[in-house]
Amino acid sequence: MIDWRAYAAVGAGSALGTGLRYQISLLLLALPGPWFPWATLAVNVLGSWLIAFFAALAAGRLQGRVARWQPFLVAGFCGGFTTFSLFGLEVVQLLAQARPSAALGYGLASVLLWLAAAWHGHGVGQRLTAA
């Protein structure tokens, strides 16, 4: 039988993550100049760091404490906070605006920054569990 508390934790975490992502997008939408998806880039980089950090903590000696929070933190908060689908739409929007260089730059920068953030977050989590 599946524990209903895990579903509730995922839902609560997702609501918080999505709400925070929306607030960040409202703040960064006011930046001057031509539109660029800074908010999605920022939340996806931060979310990549967080999910790798939580995974490293769960795999380390803090496993019991973090594992209890994993549905809320990983599937819920990080899942609601980050957005790959919006990233895809924004690349298409940049192309529709006849800004292929911006679309390519956004796509490449996103993937490289996501990976770098995940690598760093994982390293920080490993160092914390080793201490």
Protein backbone atom coordinates (compact mmCIF):
# COMPACT_ATOMS: atom_id res chain seq x y z
CA MET A 1 0.00 0.00 0.00
CA ILE A 2 1.24 3.47 -0.84
CA ASP A 3 1.51 5.97 1.97
CA TRP A 4 -0.83 8.94 1.39
CA ARG A 5 1.61 11.17 3.35
CA ALA A 6 4.16 10.92 0.52
CA TYR A 7 1.55 12.22 -1.94
CA ALA A 8 0.64 15.03 0.43
CA ALA A 9 4.33 15.92 0.84
CA VAL A 10 4.86 16.01 -2.92
CA GLY A 11 1.78 18.20 -3.37
CA ALA A 12 2.81 20.62 -0.62
CA GLY A 13 6.39 20.84 -1.87
CA SER A 14 5.22 21.34 -5.43
CA ALA A 15 2.89 24.15 -4.40
CA LEU A 16 5.72 25.93 -2.58
CA GLY A 17 8.21 25.40 -5.41
CA THR A 18 5.79 26.55 -8.08
CA GLY A 19 4.78 29.60 -6.05
CA LEU A 20 8.40 30.59 -5.53
CA ARG A 21 9.17 30.11 -9.24
CA TYR A 22 6.23 32.36 -10.13
CA GLN A 23 7.40 35.08 -7.72
CA ILE A 24 10.91 34.97 -9.17
CA SER A 25 9.51 35.26 -12.69
CA LEU A 26 7.48 38.33 -11.69
CA LEU A 27 10.56 39.97 -10.17
CA LEU A 28 12.80 39.29 -13.16
CA LEU A 29 10.15 40.17 -15.76
CA ALA A 30 10.73 43.82 -14.90
CA LEU A 31 14.34 43.77 -16.14
CA PRO A 32 15.01 46.38 -18.83
CA GLY A 33 15.86 45.50 -22.40
CA PRO A 34 14.51 42.87 -24.77
CA TRP A 35 12.76 39.93 -23.19
CA PHE A 36 14.99 37.05 -22.15
CA PRO A 37 13.99 34.09 -19.95
CA TRP A 38 16.25 34.98 -17.02
CA ALA A 39 13.80 33.65 -14.44
CA THR A 40 13.61 30.17 -15.94
CA LEU A 41 17.38 30.06 -16.32
CA ALA A 42 17.85 31.09 -12.68
CA VAL A 43 15.34 28.67 -11.17
CA ASN A 44 16.53 25.75 -13.27
CA VAL A 45 20.16 26.35 -12.27
CA LEU A 46 19.23 26.70 -8.59
CA GLY A 47 16.92 23.68 -8.81
CA SER A 48 19.70 21.59 -10.38
CA TRP A 49 21.97 22.52 -7.50
CA LEU A 50 19.33 21.73 -4.90
CA ILE A 51 18.28 18.36 -6.29
CA ALA A 52 21.91 17.16 -6.53
CA PHE A 53 22.60 18.49 -3.03
CA PHE A 54 19.60 16.64 -1.57
CA ALA A 55 20.55 13.45 -3.43
CA ALA A 56 24.09 13.60 -2.03
CA LEU A 57 22.74 14.11 1.48
CA ALA A 58 20.34 11.19 1.06
CA ALA A 59 23.15 8.95 -0.17
CA GLY A 60 25.46 9.96 2.69
CA ARG A 61 25.26 9.48 6.41
CA LEU A 62 22.30 11.86 6.72
CA GLN A 63 20.25 9.34 4.73
CA GLY A 64 17.53 8.71 7.33
CA ARG A 65 16.75 12.35 7.99
CA VAL A 66 16.86 13.41 4.35
CA ALA A 67 15.05 10.30 3.07
CA ARG A 68 11.99 11.23 5.15
CA TRP A 69 11.92 14.63 3.46
CA GLN A 70 12.77 13.41 -0.05
CA PRO A 71 9.18 13.36 -1.42
CA PHE A 72 8.70 16.95 -0.22
CA LEU A 73 12.14 18.27 -1.24
CA VAL A 74 12.99 16.43 -4.46
CA ALA A 75 9.79 15.39 -6.21
CA GLY A 76 7.72 18.17 -4.66
CA PHE A 77 9.70 21.37 -4.18
CA CYS A 78 12.41 20.86 -6.81
CA GLY A 79 9.92 19.34 -9.25
CA GLY A 80 7.57 22.30 -8.85
CA PHE A 81 10.36 24.87 -8.78
CA THR A 82 12.16 23.79 -11.96
CA THR A 83 10.60 23.63 -15.39
CA PHE A 84 11.95 21.94 -18.47
CA SER A 85 8.72 22.43 -20.42
CA LEU A 86 8.80 26.21 -20.00
CA PHE A 87 12.45 26.18 -21.07
CA GLY A 88 11.41 24.49 -24.32
CA LEU A 89 8.62 26.98 -24.91
CA GLU A 90 10.96 29.91 -24.31
CA VAL A 91 13.46 28.60 -26.85
CA VAL A 92 10.60 28.42 -29.37
CA GLN A 93 9.50 31.96 -28.43
CA LEU A 94 13.02 33.31 -28.99
CA LEU A 95 13.08 31.63 -32.40
CA ALA A 96 9.62 33.06 -33.21
CA GLN A 97 10.99 36.52 -32.38
CA ALA A 98 13.71 35.93 -35.00
CA ARG A 99 16.39 35.75 -32.30
CA PRO A 100 18.19 32.49 -33.17
CA SER A 101 21.42 33.55 -31.46
CA ALA A 102 19.56 34.21 -28.22
CA ALA A 103 17.76 30.86 -28.52
CA LEU A 104 20.99 28.98 -29.12
CA GLY A 105 22.81 30.85 -26.35
CA TYR A 106 19.97 30.23 -23.93
CA GLY A 107 19.87 26.52 -24.77
CA LEU A 108 23.61 25.99 -24.48
CA ALA A 109 24.03 28.15 -21.39
CA SER A 110 21.13 26.39 -19.68
CA VAL A 111 22.48 22.88 -20.18
CA LEU A 112 26.02 23.83 -19.16
CA LEU A 113 24.88 25.77 -16.10
CA TRP A 114 22.45 23.00 -15.03
CA LEU A 115 25.25 20.44 -15.16
CA ALA A 116 27.73 22.70 -13.38
CA ALA A 117 25.20 23.50 -10.66
CA ALA A 118 24.34 19.81 -10.17
CA TRP A 119 28.03 18.91 -9.97
CA HIS A 120 28.67 21.64 -7.39
CA GLY A 121 25.56 20.85 -5.32
CA HIS A 122 26.47 17.17 -5.25
CA GLY A 123 29.99 18.01 -4.10
CA VAL A 124 28.74 20.27 -1.32
CA GLY A 125 26.31 17.57 -0.16
CA GLN A 126 29.06 14.95 -0.14
CA ARG A 127 31.37 17.21 1.87
CA LEU A 128 28.63 17.86 4.42
CA THR A 129 27.95 14.17 4.94
CA ALA A 130 31.66 13.41 5.26
CA ALA A 131 32.16 16.05 7.95
